């Protein structure tokens, strides 16, 4: 059964929107184990608003829009990695990390370390613009150093053929497609863009 991690090269690059598109296309359950920052709403709420029908509650909801390790400290919460184990669900599962691959979960544990424990393939979401080559290749190296299988790269943003091709060639990873910026962003527009720019077969186990 398809069980995938969606992680990114940085925060704010469109990882949640891509996760919603992927979960919707697969008919998957979506789970974000840690939500940091609640003032602008939770990512799980955004995913549900974009048409994903099965959205699980977070293991931890932290108030500050900071790295989970620091947000948890400020909230007086101890994050237990056992509580972050992906749940067993009926059908496909999409699990979204927070920020980039080396974001600290605790002061002893990074998200990439957590992904390695899970043993699930990861989709790396990358922006197409300036700086993405460096960020993407560093993220690829960090995942590989921990033995995390990389399913491929999903780009978000305006088309940048050279950046996209260069990252995948040097990083030796599959180029899954590119999700354009959608305005307005609606469930229908997101579904259409995903099916136009990606092959769902690339994501199925």
N, C-alpha and C. Protein backbone atom coordinates (compact mmCIF):
# COMPACT_ATOMS: atom_id res chain seq x y z
N UNK A 1 0.84 -1.19 0.00
CA UNK A 1 0.00 0.00 0.00
C UNK A 1 0.87 1.25 0.00
N UNK A 2 0.47 2.28 -0.71
CA UNK A 2 1.24 3.51 -0.84
C UNK A 2 1.26 4.28 0.47
N UNK A 3 2.46 4.52 0.98
CA UNK A 3 2.68 5.33 2.19
C UNK A 3 3.86 6.25 1.89
N UNK A 4 3.62 7.55 1.82
CA UNK A 4 4.63 8.49 1.38
C UNK A 4 4.83 9.63 2.37
N UNK A 5 6.08 10.07 2.45
CA UNK A 5 6.43 11.29 3.18
C UNK A 5 6.53 12.42 2.17
N UNK A 6 5.99 13.57 2.51
CA UNK A 6 6.21 14.79 1.73
C UNK A 6 7.04 15.73 2.59
N UNK A 7 8.25 16.02 2.12
CA UNK A 7 9.12 16.94 2.83
C UNK A 7 9.57 18.01 1.86
N UNK A 8 10.32 18.99 2.34
CA UNK A 8 10.69 20.09 1.47
C UNK A 8 12.10 20.58 1.70
N UNK A 9 12.53 21.47 0.82
CA UNK A 9 13.85 22.07 0.93
C UNK A 9 13.86 23.25 1.87
N UNK A 10 12.68 23.75 2.24
CA UNK A 10 12.58 24.94 3.08
C UNK A 10 11.12 25.07 3.51
N UNK A 11 10.85 26.07 4.32
CA UNK A 11 9.47 26.35 4.71
C UNK A 11 8.85 27.35 3.73
N UNK A 12 7.54 27.28 3.57
CA UNK A 12 6.84 28.25 2.75
C UNK A 12 7.02 28.09 1.26
N UNK A 13 7.33 26.88 0.80
CA UNK A 13 7.57 26.68 -0.64
C UNK A 13 6.41 26.00 -1.36
N UNK A 14 5.34 25.71 -0.64
CA UNK A 14 4.19 25.08 -1.28
C UNK A 14 4.03 23.61 -0.98
N UNK A 15 4.70 23.15 0.05
CA UNK A 15 4.66 21.74 0.43
C UNK A 15 3.26 21.27 0.82
N UNK A 16 2.55 22.12 1.55
CA UNK A 16 1.20 21.75 1.99
C UNK A 16 0.23 21.67 0.82
N UNK A 17 0.33 22.62 -0.11
CA UNK A 17 -0.53 22.59 -1.29
C UNK A 17 -0.23 21.35 -2.12
N UNK A 18 1.05 21.02 -2.29
CA UNK A 18 1.38 19.81 -3.03
C UNK A 18 0.86 18.57 -2.29
N UNK A 19 1.00 18.54 -0.97
CA UNK A 19 0.50 17.40 -0.19
C UNK A 19 -0.99 17.22 -0.40
N UNK A 20 -1.73 18.33 -0.44
CA UNK A 20 -3.17 18.26 -0.67
C UNK A 20 -3.46 17.69 -2.05
N UNK A 21 -2.70 18.15 -3.05
CA UNK A 21 -2.90 17.66 -4.41
C UNK A 21 -2.62 16.17 -4.50
N UNK A 22 -1.53 15.74 -3.88
CA UNK A 22 -1.15 14.33 -3.93
C UNK A 22 -2.16 13.46 -3.18
N UNK A 23 -2.54 13.88 -1.97
CA UNK A 23 -3.49 13.09 -1.19
C UNK A 23 -4.83 12.98 -1.91
N UNK A 24 -5.26 14.07 -2.54
CA UNK A 24 -6.52 14.05 -3.27
C UNK A 24 -6.44 13.10 -4.46
N UNK A 25 -5.33 13.15 -5.20
CA UNK A 25 -5.18 12.31 -6.39
C UNK A 25 -5.11 10.84 -6.03
N UNK A 26 -4.49 10.52 -4.90
CA UNK A 26 -4.35 9.13 -4.46
C UNK A 26 -5.58 8.64 -3.71
N UNK A 27 -6.46 9.55 -3.31
CA UNK A 27 -7.54 9.18 -2.40
C UNK A 27 -6.99 8.78 -1.05
N UNK A 28 -5.92 9.49 -0.63
CA UNK A 28 -5.16 9.11 0.56
C UNK A 28 -5.66 9.82 1.81
N UNK A 29 -5.30 9.25 2.94
CA UNK A 29 -5.42 9.93 4.23
C UNK A 29 -4.22 10.85 4.39
N UNK A 30 -4.45 12.06 4.89
CA UNK A 30 -3.38 13.04 5.12
C UNK A 30 -3.13 13.16 6.61
N UNK A 31 -1.83 13.24 6.97
CA UNK A 31 -1.46 13.43 8.38
C UNK A 31 -0.24 14.31 8.47
N UNK A 32 -0.34 15.37 9.24
CA UNK A 32 0.83 16.18 9.60
C UNK A 32 1.05 15.99 11.09
N UNK A 33 2.09 15.28 11.50
CA UNK A 33 2.22 14.93 12.91
C UNK A 33 2.43 16.10 13.84
N UNK A 34 3.12 17.16 13.37
CA UNK A 34 3.38 18.33 14.22
C UNK A 34 2.97 19.60 13.48
N UNK A 35 2.10 20.37 14.10
CA UNK A 35 1.73 21.69 13.58
C UNK A 35 2.37 22.74 14.47
N UNK A 36 3.25 23.55 13.90
CA UNK A 36 3.87 24.65 14.65
C UNK A 36 3.29 25.97 14.16
N UNK A 37 2.60 26.66 15.04
CA UNK A 37 1.97 27.92 14.69
C UNK A 37 0.52 27.73 14.35
N UNK A 38 -0.34 28.42 15.10
CA UNK A 38 -1.79 28.25 14.93
C UNK A 38 -2.50 29.55 14.57
N UNK A 39 -1.79 30.66 14.59
CA UNK A 39 -2.44 31.96 14.37
C UNK A 39 -3.09 32.05 13.00
N UNK A 40 -2.43 31.49 11.98
CA UNK A 40 -2.96 31.53 10.62
C UNK A 40 -3.71 30.25 10.24
N UNK A 41 -4.05 29.43 11.23
CA UNK A 41 -4.73 28.17 10.96
C UNK A 41 -3.75 27.04 10.76
N UNK A 42 -4.24 25.83 10.85
CA UNK A 42 -3.39 24.65 10.72
C UNK A 42 -3.34 24.18 9.27
N UNK A 43 -2.22 23.56 8.91
CA UNK A 43 -2.09 23.02 7.56
C UNK A 43 -3.15 21.96 7.28
N UNK A 44 -3.52 21.20 8.30
CA UNK A 44 -4.55 20.18 8.11
C UNK A 44 -5.87 20.81 7.67
N UNK A 45 -6.17 21.99 8.20
CA UNK A 45 -7.39 22.69 7.79
C UNK A 45 -7.30 23.14 6.33
N UNK A 46 -6.13 23.61 5.92
CA UNK A 46 -5.94 24.03 4.53
C UNK A 46 -6.09 22.86 3.59
N UNK A 47 -5.53 21.71 3.97
CA UNK A 47 -5.62 20.51 3.14
C UNK A 47 -7.08 20.07 3.00
N UNK A 48 -7.82 20.10 4.10
CA UNK A 48 -9.23 19.73 4.04
C UNK A 48 -10.01 20.69 3.14
N UNK A 49 -9.69 21.98 3.22
CA UNK A 49 -10.37 22.97 2.39
C UNK A 49 -10.05 22.79 0.91
N UNK A 50 -8.93 22.13 0.62
CA UNK A 50 -8.53 21.88 -0.77
C UNK A 50 -9.05 20.53 -1.28
N UNK A 51 -9.94 19.91 -0.53
CA UNK A 51 -10.66 18.75 -1.07
C UNK A 51 -10.24 17.40 -0.57
N UNK A 52 -9.30 17.33 0.38
CA UNK A 52 -8.90 16.03 0.92
C UNK A 52 -9.92 15.60 1.96
N UNK A 53 -10.48 14.43 1.78
CA UNK A 53 -11.61 14.01 2.62
C UNK A 53 -11.18 13.39 3.94
N UNK A 54 -10.05 12.70 3.95
CA UNK A 54 -9.60 12.03 5.18
C UNK A 54 -8.35 12.74 5.71
N UNK A 55 -8.55 13.52 6.76
CA UNK A 55 -7.47 14.28 7.38
C UNK A 55 -7.43 13.92 8.87
N UNK A 56 -6.29 13.40 9.31
CA UNK A 56 -6.16 13.00 10.70
C UNK A 56 -5.70 14.18 11.56
N UNK A 57 -6.08 14.20 12.84
CA UNK A 57 -5.60 15.25 13.73
C UNK A 57 -4.10 15.09 14.01
N UNK A 58 -3.45 16.20 14.27
CA UNK A 58 -2.02 16.18 14.55
C UNK A 58 -1.74 15.48 15.88
N UNK A 59 -0.55 14.93 16.00
CA UNK A 59 -0.12 14.41 17.30
C UNK A 59 0.17 15.56 18.26
N UNK A 60 0.69 16.66 17.72
CA UNK A 60 1.01 17.84 18.53
C UNK A 60 0.61 19.11 17.78
N UNK A 61 -0.05 20.01 18.49
CA UNK A 61 -0.39 21.33 17.96
C UNK A 61 0.33 22.37 18.83
N UNK A 62 1.32 23.04 18.26
CA UNK A 62 2.16 23.98 18.99
C UNK A 62 1.80 25.40 18.56
N UNK A 63 1.82 26.31 19.49
CA UNK A 63 1.26 27.63 19.23
C UNK A 63 2.18 28.55 18.43
N UNK A 64 3.49 28.42 18.61
CA UNK A 64 4.42 29.38 18.02
C UNK A 64 4.87 28.94 16.62
N UNK A 65 4.94 29.88 15.65
CA UNK A 65 5.38 29.53 14.29
C UNK A 65 6.90 29.43 14.21
N UNK A 66 7.43 28.44 14.91
CA UNK A 66 8.87 28.23 15.02
C UNK A 66 9.18 26.77 14.73
N UNK A 67 10.46 26.44 14.69
CA UNK A 67 10.85 25.04 14.61
C UNK A 67 10.17 24.26 15.74
N UNK A 68 9.69 23.04 15.48
CA UNK A 68 8.98 22.30 16.53
C UNK A 68 9.72 22.20 17.85
N UNK A 69 11.03 22.03 17.81
CA UNK A 69 11.76 21.87 19.08
C UNK A 69 11.61 23.10 19.95
N UNK A 70 11.69 24.29 19.34
CA UNK A 70 11.60 25.52 20.12
C UNK A 70 10.17 25.85 20.48
N UNK A 71 9.25 25.63 19.55
CA UNK A 71 7.85 25.90 19.83
C UNK A 71 7.36 25.03 20.99
N UNK A 72 7.79 23.76 20.99
CA UNK A 72 7.40 22.86 22.08
C UNK A 72 7.97 23.33 23.41
N UNK A 73 9.23 23.79 23.41
CA UNK A 73 9.82 24.29 24.65
C UNK A 73 9.04 25.48 25.19
N UNK A 74 8.67 26.39 24.31
CA UNK A 74 7.93 27.57 24.76
C UNK A 74 6.53 27.22 25.25
N UNK A 75 5.95 26.16 24.70
CA UNK A 75 4.63 25.70 25.13
C UNK A 75 4.69 24.78 26.35
N UNK A 76 5.92 24.42 26.76
CA UNK A 76 6.07 23.51 27.90
C UNK A 76 5.68 22.08 27.58
N UNK A 77 5.89 21.68 26.34
CA UNK A 77 5.50 20.34 25.88
C UNK A 77 6.75 19.54 25.53
N UNK A 78 6.77 18.28 25.92
CA UNK A 78 7.83 17.36 25.53
C UNK A 78 7.34 16.52 24.37
N UNK A 79 8.03 16.61 23.23
CA UNK A 79 7.64 15.84 22.06
C UNK A 79 8.19 14.42 22.17
N UNK A 80 7.30 13.45 22.11
CA UNK A 80 7.66 12.03 22.22
C UNK A 80 7.68 11.43 20.82
N UNK A 81 8.85 11.01 20.32
CA UNK A 81 8.92 10.44 18.96
C UNK A 81 8.01 9.25 18.74
N UNK A 82 7.69 8.52 19.80
CA UNK A 82 6.79 7.37 19.66
C UNK A 82 5.42 7.82 19.18
N UNK A 83 5.00 9.00 19.63
CA UNK A 83 3.69 9.53 19.24
C UNK A 83 3.68 10.02 17.79
N UNK A 84 4.87 10.05 17.16
CA UNK A 84 4.99 10.53 15.79
C UNK A 84 5.09 9.40 14.78
N UNK A 85 4.86 8.18 15.22
CA UNK A 85 4.86 7.04 14.32
C UNK A 85 3.65 7.11 13.39
N UNK A 86 3.86 7.02 12.08
CA UNK A 86 2.71 7.09 11.16
C UNK A 86 1.66 6.04 11.48
N UNK A 87 0.40 6.42 11.48
CA UNK A 87 -0.67 5.49 11.84
C UNK A 87 -0.95 4.47 10.74
N UNK A 88 -1.53 3.38 11.13
CA UNK A 88 -2.02 2.39 10.17
C UNK A 88 -3.41 2.82 9.74
N UNK A 89 -3.60 3.02 8.46
CA UNK A 89 -4.89 3.45 7.93
C UNK A 89 -5.27 2.55 6.76
N UNK A 90 -6.53 2.58 6.43
CA UNK A 90 -7.01 1.86 5.27
C UNK A 90 -6.74 2.71 4.03
N UNK A 91 -5.99 2.16 3.09
CA UNK A 91 -5.68 2.89 1.87
C UNK A 91 -4.38 3.66 1.99
N UNK A 92 -4.08 4.50 0.99
CA UNK A 92 -2.83 5.26 0.96
C UNK A 92 -2.75 6.28 2.10
N UNK A 93 -1.50 6.64 2.43
CA UNK A 93 -1.24 7.62 3.48
C UNK A 93 -0.19 8.61 2.99
N UNK A 94 -0.45 9.90 3.18
CA UNK A 94 0.52 10.96 2.89
C UNK A 94 0.82 11.67 4.21
N UNK A 95 2.10 11.67 4.59
CA UNK A 95 2.54 12.30 5.84
C UNK A 95 3.41 13.51 5.49
N UNK A 96 3.03 14.68 5.96
CA UNK A 96 3.77 15.90 5.67
C UNK A 96 4.65 16.29 6.84
N UNK A 97 5.93 16.51 6.56
CA UNK A 97 6.84 17.02 7.57
C UNK A 97 6.67 18.52 7.76
N UNK A 98 7.51 19.10 8.60
CA UNK A 98 7.47 20.54 8.86
C UNK A 98 8.75 21.17 8.35
N UNK A 99 8.63 22.21 7.52
CA UNK A 99 9.82 22.89 7.03
C UNK A 99 10.69 22.00 6.18
N UNK A 100 12.01 22.10 6.37
CA UNK A 100 12.96 21.30 5.60
C UNK A 100 13.36 20.02 6.29
N UNK A 101 14.23 19.27 5.63
CA UNK A 101 14.55 17.92 6.12
C UNK A 101 15.37 17.94 7.40
N UNK A 102 16.12 19.01 7.66
CA UNK A 102 16.95 19.07 8.86
C UNK A 102 16.36 19.96 9.95
N UNK A 103 15.07 20.21 9.88
CA UNK A 103 14.40 20.93 10.96
C UNK A 103 14.40 20.05 12.21
N UNK A 104 14.76 20.61 13.37
CA UNK A 104 14.76 19.80 14.60
C UNK A 104 13.35 19.51 15.11
N UNK A 105 13.11 18.24 15.39
CA UNK A 105 11.89 17.84 16.10
C UNK A 105 12.11 18.08 17.59
N UNK A 106 13.24 17.61 18.08
CA UNK A 106 13.73 17.91 19.43
C UNK A 106 15.19 18.32 19.28
N UNK A 107 15.86 18.62 20.36
CA UNK A 107 17.27 18.99 20.27
C UNK A 107 18.17 17.78 20.02
N UNK A 108 17.58 16.59 20.01
CA UNK A 108 18.34 15.37 19.71
C UNK A 108 17.88 14.68 18.44
N UNK A 109 16.83 15.17 17.80
CA UNK A 109 16.22 14.45 16.69
C UNK A 109 15.80 15.42 15.59
N UNK A 110 16.27 15.17 14.36
CA UNK A 110 15.87 15.96 13.20
C UNK A 110 14.77 15.23 12.43
N UNK A 111 14.04 15.96 11.59
CA UNK A 111 13.00 15.30 10.80
C UNK A 111 13.59 14.20 9.91
N UNK A 112 14.76 14.43 9.33
CA UNK A 112 15.38 13.40 8.49
C UNK A 112 15.64 12.13 9.28
N UNK A 113 16.02 12.27 10.56
CA UNK A 113 16.22 11.09 11.42
C UNK A 113 14.90 10.36 11.64
N UNK A 114 13.85 11.13 11.83
CA UNK A 114 12.51 10.55 12.03
C UNK A 114 12.07 9.81 10.77
N UNK A 115 12.31 10.43 9.60
CA UNK A 115 11.95 9.77 8.35
C UNK A 115 12.68 8.44 8.20
N UNK A 116 13.95 8.41 8.60
CA UNK A 116 14.73 7.17 8.49
C UNK A 116 14.12 6.07 9.37
N UNK A 117 13.63 6.44 10.53
CA UNK A 117 12.98 5.46 11.41
C UNK A 117 11.72 4.90 10.76
N UNK A 118 11.00 5.76 10.06
CA UNK A 118 9.74 5.32 9.46
C UNK A 118 9.95 4.36 8.29
N UNK A 119 11.04 4.54 7.55
CA UNK A 119 11.33 3.66 6.42
C UNK A 119 10.40 3.84 5.23
N UNK A 120 9.78 5.01 5.12
CA UNK A 120 8.87 5.29 4.01
C UNK A 120 9.58 6.13 2.95
N UNK A 121 9.22 5.97 1.67
CA UNK A 121 9.81 6.82 0.63
C UNK A 121 9.37 8.27 0.78
N UNK A 122 10.27 9.17 0.41
CA UNK A 122 9.99 10.60 0.54
C UNK A 122 9.90 11.26 -0.83
N UNK A 123 8.94 12.17 -0.95
CA UNK A 123 8.87 13.09 -2.07
C UNK A 123 9.44 14.41 -1.58
N UNK A 124 10.47 14.90 -2.26
CA UNK A 124 11.09 16.16 -1.87
C UNK A 124 10.48 17.28 -2.72
N UNK A 125 9.86 18.26 -2.06
CA UNK A 125 9.25 19.40 -2.74
C UNK A 125 10.26 20.54 -2.76
N UNK A 126 10.47 21.11 -3.94
CA UNK A 126 11.47 22.17 -4.11
C UNK A 126 10.89 23.33 -4.90
N UNK A 127 11.26 24.53 -4.52
CA UNK A 127 10.92 25.73 -5.26
C UNK A 127 11.73 25.75 -6.55
N UNK A 128 11.24 26.46 -7.56
CA UNK A 128 11.96 26.47 -8.84
C UNK A 128 12.93 27.64 -8.97
N UNK A 129 12.87 28.61 -8.08
CA UNK A 129 13.60 29.85 -8.27
C UNK A 129 15.03 29.83 -7.76
N UNK A 130 15.61 31.01 -7.65
CA UNK A 130 17.00 31.19 -7.28
C UNK A 130 17.30 30.58 -5.92
N UNK A 131 18.40 29.83 -5.84
CA UNK A 131 18.81 29.18 -4.61
C UNK A 131 18.36 27.75 -4.49
N UNK A 132 17.47 27.31 -5.37
CA UNK A 132 16.90 25.97 -5.21
C UNK A 132 17.90 24.87 -5.49
N UNK A 133 18.89 25.10 -6.36
CA UNK A 133 19.85 24.04 -6.65
C UNK A 133 20.61 23.66 -5.38
N UNK A 134 21.14 24.66 -4.70
CA UNK A 134 21.89 24.40 -3.47
C UNK A 134 21.00 23.75 -2.41
N UNK A 135 19.83 24.33 -2.16
CA UNK A 135 18.94 23.80 -1.13
C UNK A 135 18.50 22.37 -1.44
N UNK A 136 18.21 22.12 -2.71
CA UNK A 136 17.72 20.79 -3.09
C UNK A 136 18.81 19.74 -2.97
N UNK A 137 20.00 20.05 -3.45
CA UNK A 137 21.10 19.07 -3.40
C UNK A 137 21.51 18.79 -1.96
N UNK A 138 21.52 19.81 -1.11
CA UNK A 138 21.82 19.58 0.30
C UNK A 138 20.76 18.68 0.95
N UNK A 139 19.49 18.92 0.60
CA UNK A 139 18.41 18.10 1.16
C UNK A 139 18.52 16.65 0.69
N UNK A 140 18.85 16.46 -0.57
CA UNK A 140 19.03 15.11 -1.11
C UNK A 140 20.16 14.40 -0.37
N UNK A 141 21.27 15.09 -0.16
CA UNK A 141 22.39 14.48 0.55
C UNK A 141 22.02 14.12 1.98
N UNK A 142 21.27 15.01 2.65
CA UNK A 142 20.88 14.75 4.04
C UNK A 142 19.98 13.52 4.14
N UNK A 143 19.05 13.37 3.21
CA UNK A 143 18.17 12.20 3.23
C UNK A 143 18.95 10.93 2.93
N UNK A 144 19.80 10.98 1.91
CA UNK A 144 20.55 9.79 1.53
C UNK A 144 21.52 9.36 2.63
N UNK A 145 22.10 10.32 3.33
CA UNK A 145 23.04 10.00 4.40
C UNK A 145 22.38 9.19 5.50
N UNK A 146 21.07 9.32 5.61
CA UNK A 146 20.32 8.60 6.64
C UNK A 146 19.56 7.39 6.10
N UNK A 147 19.75 7.13 4.82
CA UNK A 147 19.11 5.96 4.22
C UNK A 147 17.64 6.14 3.92
N UNK A 148 17.18 7.39 3.80
CA UNK A 148 15.77 7.64 3.47
C UNK A 148 15.61 7.49 1.95
N UNK A 149 14.77 6.58 1.49
CA UNK A 149 14.56 6.45 0.04
C UNK A 149 13.84 7.67 -0.52
N UNK A 150 14.34 8.20 -1.62
CA UNK A 150 13.76 9.38 -2.25
C UNK A 150 12.99 8.94 -3.50
N UNK A 151 11.69 9.11 -3.47
CA UNK A 151 10.87 8.75 -4.63
C UNK A 151 11.16 9.68 -5.80
N UNK A 152 11.37 10.95 -5.52
CA UNK A 152 11.67 11.91 -6.56
C UNK A 152 11.42 13.32 -6.10
N UNK A 153 11.60 14.27 -7.03
CA UNK A 153 11.41 15.69 -6.74
C UNK A 153 10.13 16.19 -7.39
N UNK A 154 9.37 16.95 -6.61
CA UNK A 154 8.20 17.66 -7.11
C UNK A 154 8.49 19.15 -6.97
N UNK A 155 8.51 19.85 -8.08
CA UNK A 155 8.81 21.28 -8.07
C UNK A 155 7.52 22.08 -7.94
N UNK A 156 7.65 23.27 -7.35
CA UNK A 156 6.53 24.20 -7.21
C UNK A 156 7.00 25.58 -7.69
N UNK A 157 6.20 26.21 -8.53
CA UNK A 157 6.53 27.56 -8.99
C UNK A 157 6.52 27.67 -10.49
N UNK A 158 7.03 28.79 -10.98
CA UNK A 158 7.12 29.01 -12.42
C UNK A 158 8.14 28.07 -13.05
N UNK A 159 7.93 27.73 -14.29
CA UNK A 159 8.84 26.81 -14.97
C UNK A 159 10.26 27.38 -14.99
N UNK A 160 11.22 26.54 -14.63
CA UNK A 160 12.64 26.90 -14.70
C UNK A 160 13.37 25.63 -15.14
N UNK A 161 13.40 25.41 -16.43
CA UNK A 161 13.88 24.15 -16.98
C UNK A 161 15.29 23.81 -16.53
N UNK A 162 16.18 24.79 -16.58
CA UNK A 162 17.57 24.47 -16.24
C UNK A 162 17.72 24.10 -14.76
N UNK A 163 17.10 24.85 -13.86
CA UNK A 163 17.18 24.51 -12.44
C UNK A 163 16.63 23.11 -12.17
N UNK A 164 15.47 22.83 -12.72
CA UNK A 164 14.82 21.54 -12.49
C UNK A 164 15.68 20.39 -13.02
N UNK A 165 16.16 20.54 -14.25
CA UNK A 165 16.95 19.48 -14.87
C UNK A 165 18.29 19.31 -14.17
N UNK A 166 18.92 20.41 -13.79
CA UNK A 166 20.23 20.35 -13.14
C UNK A 166 20.15 19.62 -11.80
N UNK A 167 19.16 19.96 -11.01
CA UNK A 167 19.00 19.31 -9.70
C UNK A 167 18.84 17.80 -9.86
N UNK A 168 17.97 17.40 -10.77
CA UNK A 168 17.68 15.98 -10.93
C UNK A 168 18.87 15.23 -11.53
N UNK A 169 19.62 15.88 -12.42
CA UNK A 169 20.79 15.24 -13.01
C UNK A 169 21.91 15.07 -11.98
N UNK A 170 22.25 16.14 -11.29
CA UNK A 170 23.33 16.06 -10.31
C UNK A 170 22.93 15.20 -9.12
N UNK A 171 21.69 15.38 -8.67
CA UNK A 171 21.21 14.63 -7.51
C UNK A 171 20.82 13.20 -7.81
N UNK A 172 20.73 12.87 -9.12
CA UNK A 172 20.34 11.52 -9.55
C UNK A 172 19.03 11.08 -8.91
N UNK A 173 18.03 11.95 -9.08
CA UNK A 173 16.69 11.67 -8.57
C UNK A 173 15.68 11.84 -9.70
N UNK A 174 14.56 11.19 -9.55
CA UNK A 174 13.50 11.26 -10.55
C UNK A 174 12.81 12.61 -10.49
N UNK A 175 12.55 13.16 -11.64
CA UNK A 175 11.80 14.42 -11.76
C UNK A 175 10.33 14.08 -11.92
N UNK A 176 9.55 14.35 -10.89
CA UNK A 176 8.15 13.92 -10.87
C UNK A 176 7.24 14.88 -11.60
N UNK A 177 7.57 16.17 -11.60
CA UNK A 177 6.73 17.16 -12.25
C UNK A 177 6.82 18.49 -11.53
N UNK A 178 6.00 19.43 -11.98
CA UNK A 178 6.01 20.78 -11.40
C UNK A 178 4.58 21.27 -11.24
N UNK A 179 4.29 21.74 -10.03
CA UNK A 179 2.98 22.31 -9.74
C UNK A 179 3.07 23.83 -9.89
N UNK A 180 2.35 24.43 -10.83
CA UNK A 180 2.42 25.89 -11.00
C UNK A 180 1.69 26.60 -9.86
N UNK A 181 1.99 27.88 -9.71
CA UNK A 181 1.26 28.71 -8.75
C UNK A 181 -0.16 28.93 -9.29
N UNK A 182 -1.15 28.66 -8.48
CA UNK A 182 -2.54 28.74 -8.91
C UNK A 182 -3.23 29.92 -8.25
N UNK A 183 -3.86 30.76 -9.06
CA UNK A 183 -4.60 31.90 -8.54
C UNK A 183 -5.85 32.10 -9.40
N UNK A 184 -7.02 31.75 -8.85
CA UNK A 184 -7.25 31.37 -7.46
C UNK A 184 -6.91 29.89 -7.22
N UNK A 185 -6.59 29.60 -5.97
CA UNK A 185 -6.30 28.22 -5.56
C UNK A 185 -7.60 27.59 -5.07
N UNK A 186 -8.15 26.70 -5.87
CA UNK A 186 -9.39 26.02 -5.53
C UNK A 186 -9.17 24.52 -5.64
N UNK A 187 -10.02 23.71 -5.01
CA UNK A 187 -9.87 22.26 -5.14
C UNK A 187 -9.87 21.79 -6.58
N UNK A 188 -10.76 22.34 -7.41
CA UNK A 188 -10.83 21.94 -8.81
C UNK A 188 -9.59 22.32 -9.59
N UNK A 189 -9.10 23.54 -9.38
CA UNK A 189 -7.89 23.98 -10.07
C UNK A 189 -6.70 23.14 -9.65
N UNK A 190 -6.62 22.80 -8.36
CA UNK A 190 -5.51 21.99 -7.87
C UNK A 190 -5.54 20.59 -8.45
N UNK A 191 -6.71 19.99 -8.48
CA UNK A 191 -6.82 18.65 -9.08
C UNK A 191 -6.41 18.67 -10.54
N UNK A 192 -6.89 19.67 -11.27
CA UNK A 192 -6.56 19.76 -12.68
C UNK A 192 -5.08 19.95 -12.93
N UNK A 193 -4.45 20.82 -12.13
CA UNK A 193 -3.02 21.09 -12.30
C UNK A 193 -2.19 19.85 -11.99
N UNK A 194 -2.57 19.12 -10.95
CA UNK A 194 -1.82 17.92 -10.60
C UNK A 194 -1.89 16.89 -11.73
N UNK A 195 -3.08 16.66 -12.24
CA UNK A 195 -3.23 15.66 -13.30
C UNK A 195 -2.59 16.10 -14.60
N UNK A 196 -2.46 17.39 -14.81
CA UNK A 196 -1.80 17.88 -16.01
C UNK A 196 -0.29 17.77 -15.94
N UNK A 197 0.28 17.94 -14.74
CA UNK A 197 1.73 18.07 -14.62
C UNK A 197 2.41 16.87 -13.96
N UNK A 198 1.65 15.91 -13.44
CA UNK A 198 2.23 14.74 -12.79
C UNK A 198 1.57 13.47 -13.31
N UNK A 199 2.25 12.35 -13.14
CA UNK A 199 1.71 11.03 -13.45
C UNK A 199 1.42 10.32 -12.14
N UNK A 200 0.17 10.03 -11.86
CA UNK A 200 -0.18 9.43 -10.58
C UNK A 200 0.50 8.07 -10.40
N UNK A 201 0.82 7.41 -11.50
CA UNK A 201 1.48 6.10 -11.43
C UNK A 201 2.85 6.21 -10.77
N UNK A 202 3.49 7.37 -10.85
CA UNK A 202 4.81 7.55 -10.24
C UNK A 202 4.76 7.54 -8.73
N UNK A 203 3.58 7.71 -8.16
CA UNK A 203 3.44 7.81 -6.72
C UNK A 203 2.85 6.55 -6.09
N UNK A 204 2.38 5.64 -6.90
CA UNK A 204 1.75 4.44 -6.35
C UNK A 204 2.77 3.35 -6.12
N UNK A 205 2.62 2.64 -5.01
CA UNK A 205 3.54 1.54 -4.68
C UNK A 205 3.32 0.41 -5.67
